[in-house]
């Protein structure tokens, strides 16, 4: 056996509490385990184990070697697994977390593409507008919008989304079209109750950013409900492109204050817990997200046409 094998036998003997347990695990004889450990000690010129007829214990040198050996063997196993998984078919359960609106309007309508490409996968898609602990909840991939707060996660930026102020034609006919951000004080602005920063509508002006703390008669815990309420003519909404683009294209919503909108959009990230290797199911899903959102987000063409009209 080579050095790696001697190391593995030694670690198994320590973890099993003796040569007999290691021999059973490895399918060899206890005398073979003893000879391999002895050969390792001879090569190192140090006694690694104290032996009695009933048990073994680590010497100081043995503990130092054992701690390093465990790390080395784990790295070898991870390296081999990573190479094997490069060619493995994604399978099992993929657990994905997203905000309710982004999941409903930006991901779910296109998810059939991914599911059909990987029939051995089962996708569990969980939406929540509160922050989810990906590691604690066993989530494979999270979709996040805006500033990331957990620096321990690996992040892949997918795209940026701008927000648009819009209202239904019927609402604008009843209440008029706001000409400047200051006019919003006279309008029913629809709000959420889970992230107060969303209710602070930022616009550009000659003096720099202009922030309006909007008010209105409706506050909800799901951004997609704002979309439905705006289409029903309840009030004005300021929502991301992925939520509004189809209604803007079809005329169910009409954009307003476009000349005051800021240029910067909020970034969309795919995030996942770090590891020594990336599981095939995670890698496949990230690749699909990149193809779907980085290269050509579904709302891009429609919003470009609207901006051309403004």
Protein backbone atom coordinates (compact mmCIF):
# COMPACT_ATOMS: atom_id res chain seq x y z
CA UNK A 1 0.00 0.00 0.00
CA UNK A 2 1.08 3.63 -0.60
CA UNK A 3 1.34 6.48 1.86
CA UNK A 4 -2.28 7.51 1.41
CA UNK A 5 -3.40 3.99 2.24
CA UNK A 6 -1.24 3.87 5.37
CA UNK A 7 -2.69 7.20 6.42
CA UNK A 8 -6.27 5.99 5.84
CA UNK A 9 -5.69 2.79 7.82
CA UNK A 10 -4.18 4.76 10.70
CA UNK A 11 -7.13 7.19 10.82
CA UNK A 12 -9.64 4.33 10.67
CA UNK A 13 -7.87 2.58 13.55
CA UNK A 14 -7.96 5.73 15.68
CA UNK A 15 -11.62 6.42 14.93
CA UNK A 16 -12.59 2.79 15.46
CA UNK A 17 -10.72 2.55 18.75
CA UNK A 18 -8.55 -0.40 17.71
CA UNK A 19 -7.04 -2.54 14.99
CA UNK A 20 -9.90 -5.07 14.96
CA UNK A 21 -12.55 -2.42 14.26
CA UNK A 22 -10.42 -0.92 11.49
CA UNK A 23 -9.85 -4.38 10.02
CA UNK A 24 -13.62 -5.06 9.91
CA UNK A 25 -14.30 -1.72 8.20
CA UNK A 26 -11.53 -2.20 5.64
CA UNK A 27 -12.02 -5.91 4.98
CA UNK A 28 -8.48 -6.90 6.00
CA UNK A 29 -7.00 -8.72 8.99
CA UNK A 30 -6.06 -7.02 12.30
CA UNK A 31 -2.45 -8.11 11.78
CA UNK A 32 -2.42 -6.32 8.40
CA UNK A 33 -3.66 -3.14 10.10
CA UNK A 34 -0.95 -3.47 12.75
CA UNK A 35 1.76 -3.96 10.14
CA UNK A 36 0.62 -0.92 8.13
CA UNK A 37 0.55 1.31 11.20
CA UNK A 38 3.95 -0.02 12.25
CA UNK A 39 5.36 0.69 8.81
CA UNK A 40 3.99 4.24 8.99
CA UNK A 41 5.65 4.75 12.38
CA UNK A 42 8.95 3.39 11.08
CA UNK A 43 8.85 5.74 8.11
CA UNK A 44 8.09 8.74 10.32
CA UNK A 45 10.54 7.71 13.01
CA UNK A 46 7.95 8.30 15.74
CA UNK A 47 5.50 6.26 17.79
CA UNK A 48 1.97 7.36 16.95
CA UNK A 49 -0.04 4.99 19.12
CA UNK A 50 0.20 3.60 22.62
CA UNK A 51 -0.96 -0.01 22.46
CA UNK A 52 -2.43 -2.31 25.10
CA UNK A 53 -4.13 -5.65 24.66
CA UNK A 54 -7.54 -3.96 24.87
CA UNK A 55 -7.16 -0.49 23.33
CA UNK A 56 -5.00 2.08 21.61
CA UNK A 57 -4.41 5.76 22.38
CA UNK A 58 -2.69 8.59 20.57
CA UNK A 59 0.72 9.84 21.53
CA UNK A 60 1.48 13.55 21.20
CA UNK A 61 3.05 12.89 17.81
CA UNK A 62 0.13 10.68 16.88
CA UNK A 63 -2.42 13.38 17.68
CA UNK A 64 -0.57 15.90 15.52
CA UNK A 65 -0.38 13.43 12.65
CA UNK A 66 -4.03 12.35 13.07
CA UNK A 67 -5.40 15.91 12.93
CA UNK A 68 -3.49 16.69 9.75
CA UNK A 69 -4.29 13.31 8.22
CA UNK A 70 -8.05 13.77 8.68
CA UNK A 71 -7.91 17.09 6.83
CA UNK A 72 -5.82 15.63 4.01
CA UNK A 73 -8.13 12.63 3.53
CA UNK A 74 -11.20 14.90 3.50
CA UNK A 75 -9.59 17.05 0.83
CA UNK A 76 -8.74 14.00 -1.28
CA UNK A 77 -12.32 12.74 -0.99
CA UNK A 78 -13.73 16.17 -1.90
CA UNK A 79 -11.42 16.48 -4.92
CA UNK A 80 -12.43 13.06 -6.24
CA UNK A 81 -16.10 13.77 -5.64
CA UNK A 82 -15.87 17.11 -7.44
CA UNK A 83 -14.39 15.44 -10.53
CA UNK A 84 -16.99 12.66 -10.50
CA UNK A 85 -19.82 15.15 -10.16
CA UNK A 86 -18.67 17.11 -13.19
CA UNK A 87 -20.09 14.27 -15.24
CA UNK A 88 -22.97 13.32 -12.94
CA UNK A 89 -26.59 13.83 -13.96
CA UNK A 90 -28.43 16.28 -11.68
CA UNK A 91 -30.88 14.33 -9.56
CA UNK A 92 -32.62 14.37 -6.21
CA UNK A 93 -34.40 17.35 -4.62
CA UNK A 94 -33.45 20.96 -5.42
CA UNK A 95 -34.74 23.38 -2.80
CA UNK A 96 -35.07 26.99 -4.04
CA UNK A 97 -36.14 30.07 -2.09
CA UNK A 98 -37.32 33.35 -3.61
CA UNK A 99 -39.37 36.41 -2.79
CA UNK A 100 -43.04 35.82 -3.58
CA UNK A 101 -43.30 38.29 -6.46
CA UNK A 102 -40.03 37.38 -8.17
CA UNK A 103 -40.82 33.69 -7.90
CA UNK A 104 -44.36 34.08 -9.20
CA UNK A 105 -43.70 36.43 -12.09
CA UNK A 106 -40.04 35.97 -13.06
CA UNK A 107 -39.21 32.32 -12.39
CA UNK A 108 -42.26 30.05 -12.28
CA UNK A 109 -43.52 30.98 -15.80
CA UNK A 110 -40.24 29.69 -17.26
CA UNK A 111 -39.30 26.94 -14.81
CA UNK A 112 -40.73 24.25 -17.08
CA UNK A 113 -37.65 24.71 -19.27
CA UNK A 114 -35.39 23.61 -16.41
CA UNK A 115 -37.67 20.82 -15.19
CA UNK A 116 -37.99 19.31 -18.66
CA UNK A 117 -34.21 19.42 -19.13
CA UNK A 118 -33.56 17.51 -15.88
CA UNK A 119 -36.29 14.89 -15.38
CA UNK A 120 -34.42 13.23 -12.49
CA UNK A 121 -34.76 16.39 -10.39
CA UNK A 122 -37.63 17.39 -8.12
CA UNK A 123 -37.83 21.12 -7.47
CA UNK A 124 -39.16 22.44 -4.17
CA UNK A 125 -39.85 26.14 -4.76
CA UNK A 126 -40.46 28.08 -1.55
CA UNK A 127 -41.46 31.74 -1.55
CA UNK A 128 -41.13 34.13 1.36
CA UNK A 129 -40.85 37.89 1.74
CA UNK A 130 -38.89 37.53 4.97
CA UNK A 131 -35.23 36.57 5.10
CA UNK A 132 -34.64 32.81 5.12
CA UNK A 133 -31.58 31.11 6.64
CA UNK A 134 -30.47 29.04 3.66
CA UNK A 135 -28.16 26.78 5.65
CA UNK A 136 -30.57 26.30 8.54
CA UNK A 137 -33.50 25.58 6.24
CA UNK A 138 -31.51 23.31 3.92
CA UNK A 139 -32.05 25.55 0.89
CA UNK A 140 -29.81 24.86 -2.11
CA UNK A 141 -30.25 28.18 -3.95
CA UNK A 142 -31.77 31.48 -2.88
CA UNK A 143 -32.80 34.33 -5.18
CA UNK A 144 -32.17 37.75 -3.64
CA UNK A 145 -32.88 41.29 -4.83
CA UNK A 146 -30.94 44.31 -3.61
CA UNK A 147 -28.05 44.52 -1.17
CA UNK A 148 -26.82 41.19 0.19
CA UNK A 149 -26.47 41.01 3.96
CA UNK A 150 -24.94 37.54 4.44
CA UNK A 151 -21.32 37.63 3.30
CA UNK A 152 -20.86 33.90 4.00
CA UNK A 153 -22.91 32.94 0.94
CA UNK A 154 -21.56 32.59 -2.59
CA UNK A 155 -23.36 35.05 -4.90
CA UNK A 156 -23.82 35.11 -8.66
CA UNK A 157 -25.27 38.33 -10.05
CA UNK A 158 -27.94 37.56 -12.62
CA UNK A 159 -29.39 40.89 -13.74
CA UNK A 160 -30.64 44.26 -12.57
CA UNK A 161 -34.27 45.34 -12.39
CA UNK A 162 -35.55 48.88 -12.48
CA UNK A 163 -38.77 49.96 -10.84
CA UNK A 164 -41.58 51.72 -12.66
CA UNK A 165 -44.37 53.94 -11.31
CA UNK A 166 -47.62 53.00 -13.01
CA UNK A 167 -51.37 53.06 -12.68
CA UNK A 168 -54.41 51.65 -14.44
CA UNK A 169 -55.97 53.83 -17.17
CA UNK A 170 -59.18 54.02 -15.11
CA UNK A 171 -57.32 55.29 -12.03
CA UNK A 172 -55.41 57.91 -14.01
CA UNK A 173 -58.64 59.07 -15.65
CA UNK A 174 -60.24 59.60 -12.23
CA UNK A 175 -57.27 61.15 -10.43
CA UNK A 176 -55.10 62.60 -13.17
CA UNK A 177 -51.52 61.87 -14.19
CA UNK A 178 -48.77 63.03 -11.80
CA UNK A 179 -46.41 65.39 -13.58
CA UNK A 180 -43.64 65.48 -10.93
CA UNK A 181 -42.77 63.31 -7.92
CA UNK A 182 -44.23 66.01 -5.63
CA UNK A 183 -47.65 65.35 -7.16
CA UNK A 184 -47.68 61.91 -5.51
CA UNK A 185 -48.92 63.52 -2.30
CA UNK A 186 -52.30 63.80 -4.05
CA UNK A 187 -52.37 60.14 -5.10
CA UNK A 188 -53.15 56.81 -3.50
CA UNK A 189 -49.75 55.08 -3.49
CA UNK A 190 -49.85 51.36 -2.75
CA UNK A 191 -47.35 50.06 -0.19
CA UNK A 192 -45.91 46.92 1.43
CA UNK A 193 -45.50 46.24 5.14
CA UNK A 194 -42.47 43.92 5.06
CA UNK A 195 -39.71 46.24 3.82
CA UNK A 196 -40.14 49.92 4.63
CA UNK A 197 -37.42 51.03 2.19
CA UNK A 198 -39.68 49.97 -0.70
CA UNK A 199 -42.17 52.63 0.42
CA UNK A 200 -39.56 55.36 -0.01
CA UNK A 201 -39.75 56.13 -3.71
CA UNK A 202 -36.49 57.57 -5.03
CA UNK A 203 -36.36 59.79 -8.10
CA UNK A 204 -33.69 61.85 -9.77
CA UNK A 205 -33.73 65.63 -9.78
CA UNK A 206 -31.44 68.52 -10.67
CA UNK A 207 -30.30 68.63 -7.04
CA UNK A 208 -29.61 64.89 -6.76
CA UNK A 209 -31.76 62.01 -5.49
CA UNK A 210 -35.26 63.00 -4.41
CA UNK A 211 -36.96 60.63 -1.96
CA UNK A 212 -40.72 60.66 -1.46
CA UNK A 213 -42.22 58.85 1.54
CA UNK A 214 -45.48 57.85 -0.09
CA UNK A 215 -48.81 57.19 1.59
CA UNK A 216 -51.99 55.48 0.61
CA UNK A 217 -55.04 53.54 1.73
CA UNK A 218 -53.69 50.04 1.05
CA UNK A 219 -50.73 48.20 2.56
CA UNK A 220 -50.09 44.50 1.85
CA UNK A 221 -47.63 41.76 2.79
CA UNK A 222 -47.13 40.47 -0.76
CA UNK A 223 -45.86 42.68 -3.59
CA UNK A 224 -47.83 40.70 -6.15
CA UNK A 225 -51.03 41.87 -4.43
CA UNK A 226 -49.99 45.46 -5.15
CA UNK A 227 -49.78 44.53 -8.81
CA UNK A 228 -53.31 43.11 -8.77
CA UNK A 229 -54.61 46.15 -6.88
CA UNK A 230 -52.96 48.58 -9.31
CA UNK A 231 -54.52 46.81 -12.31
CA UNK A 232 -57.89 46.99 -10.54
CA UNK A 233 -57.49 50.77 -10.36
CA UNK A 234 -56.96 51.09 -6.60
CA UNK A 235 -53.90 53.34 -6.86
CA UNK A 236 -50.37 53.85 -8.14
CA UNK A 237 -47.72 51.19 -7.81
CA UNK A 238 -43.95 51.44 -7.97
CA UNK A 239 -42.79 47.95 -8.78
CA UNK A 240 -40.00 46.06 -10.46
CA UNK A 241 -39.96 45.40 -14.18
CA UNK A 242 -40.46 41.66 -13.74
CA UNK A 243 -43.79 42.39 -12.01
CA UNK A 244 -45.21 45.02 -14.36
CA UNK A 245 -43.82 44.48 -17.86
CA UNK A 246 -46.66 42.40 -19.27
CA UNK A 247 -49.34 44.77 -17.97
CA UNK A 248 -47.38 47.75 -19.34
CA UNK A 249 -47.05 46.04 -22.71
CA UNK A 250 -50.78 45.23 -22.83
CA UNK A 251 -51.92 48.67 -21.63
CA UNK A 252 -53.47 47.44 -18.39
CA UNK A 253 -50.95 49.71 -16.64
CA UNK A 254 -49.60 53.04 -17.86
CA UNK A 255 -46.12 54.24 -16.80
CA UNK A 256 -45.80 57.72 -15.27
CA UNK A 257 -42.90 59.90 -14.11
CA UNK A 258 -40.51 57.98 -16.37
CA UNK A 259 -38.27 61.02 -16.86
CA UNK A 260 -37.64 61.08 -13.10
CA UNK A 261 -36.69 57.43 -12.70
CA UNK A 262 -33.13 56.72 -11.57
CA UNK A 263 -30.81 54.91 -13.95
CA UNK A 264 -29.64 52.29 -11.48
CA UNK A 265 -31.58 49.08 -11.00
CA UNK A 266 -31.57 46.70 -8.05
CA UNK A 267 -29.34 43.69 -8.61
CA UNK A 268 -30.76 40.17 -8.61
CA UNK A 269 -28.47 37.46 -7.20
CA UNK A 270 -28.49 33.70 -6.99
CA UNK A 271 -26.90 32.77 -3.66
CA UNK A 272 -25.94 29.42 -2.22
CA UNK A 273 -23.99 28.12 0.78
CA UNK A 274 -20.26 27.60 0.24
CA UNK A 275 -18.78 24.12 -0.05
CA UNK A 276 -15.77 22.31 -1.36
CA UNK A 277 -17.65 21.45 -4.51
CA UNK A 278 -20.87 22.46 -6.21
CA UNK A 279 -23.53 19.77 -6.51
CA UNK A 280 -24.63 18.99 -10.09
CA UNK A 281 -28.21 20.08 -9.32
CA UNK A 282 -27.02 23.47 -8.02
CA UNK A 283 -24.62 23.99 -10.91
CA UNK A 284 -27.34 23.11 -13.43
CA UNK A 285 -29.84 25.51 -11.87
CA UNK A 286 -27.32 28.37 -11.72
CA UNK A 287 -26.45 27.76 -15.38
CA UNK A 288 -30.14 27.90 -16.30
CA UNK A 289 -30.64 31.13 -14.33
CA UNK A 290 -27.70 32.70 -16.13
CA UNK A 291 -29.11 31.66 -19.51
CA UNK A 292 -32.57 32.93 -18.63
CA UNK A 293 -31.75 36.23 -16.88
CA UNK A 294 -28.20 37.35 -17.68
CA UNK A 295 -28.37 37.07 -21.44
CA UNK A 296 -31.96 38.08 -22.13
CA UNK A 297 -34.35 38.77 -19.24
CA UNK A 298 -37.93 38.36 -20.48
CA UNK A 299 -38.91 41.94 -19.67
CA UNK A 300 -35.97 43.62 -21.44
CA UNK A 301 -37.47 43.96 -24.93
CA UNK A 302 -40.82 45.22 -23.67
CA UNK A 303 -39.29 47.83 -21.35
CA UNK A 304 -36.91 49.02 -24.06
CA UNK A 305 -39.90 49.63 -26.32
CA UNK A 306 -41.65 51.62 -23.60
CA UNK A 307 -38.56 53.73 -22.95
CA UNK A 308 -38.37 54.44 -26.67
CA UNK A 309 -41.88 55.87 -26.55
CA UNK A 310 -41.19 58.16 -23.58
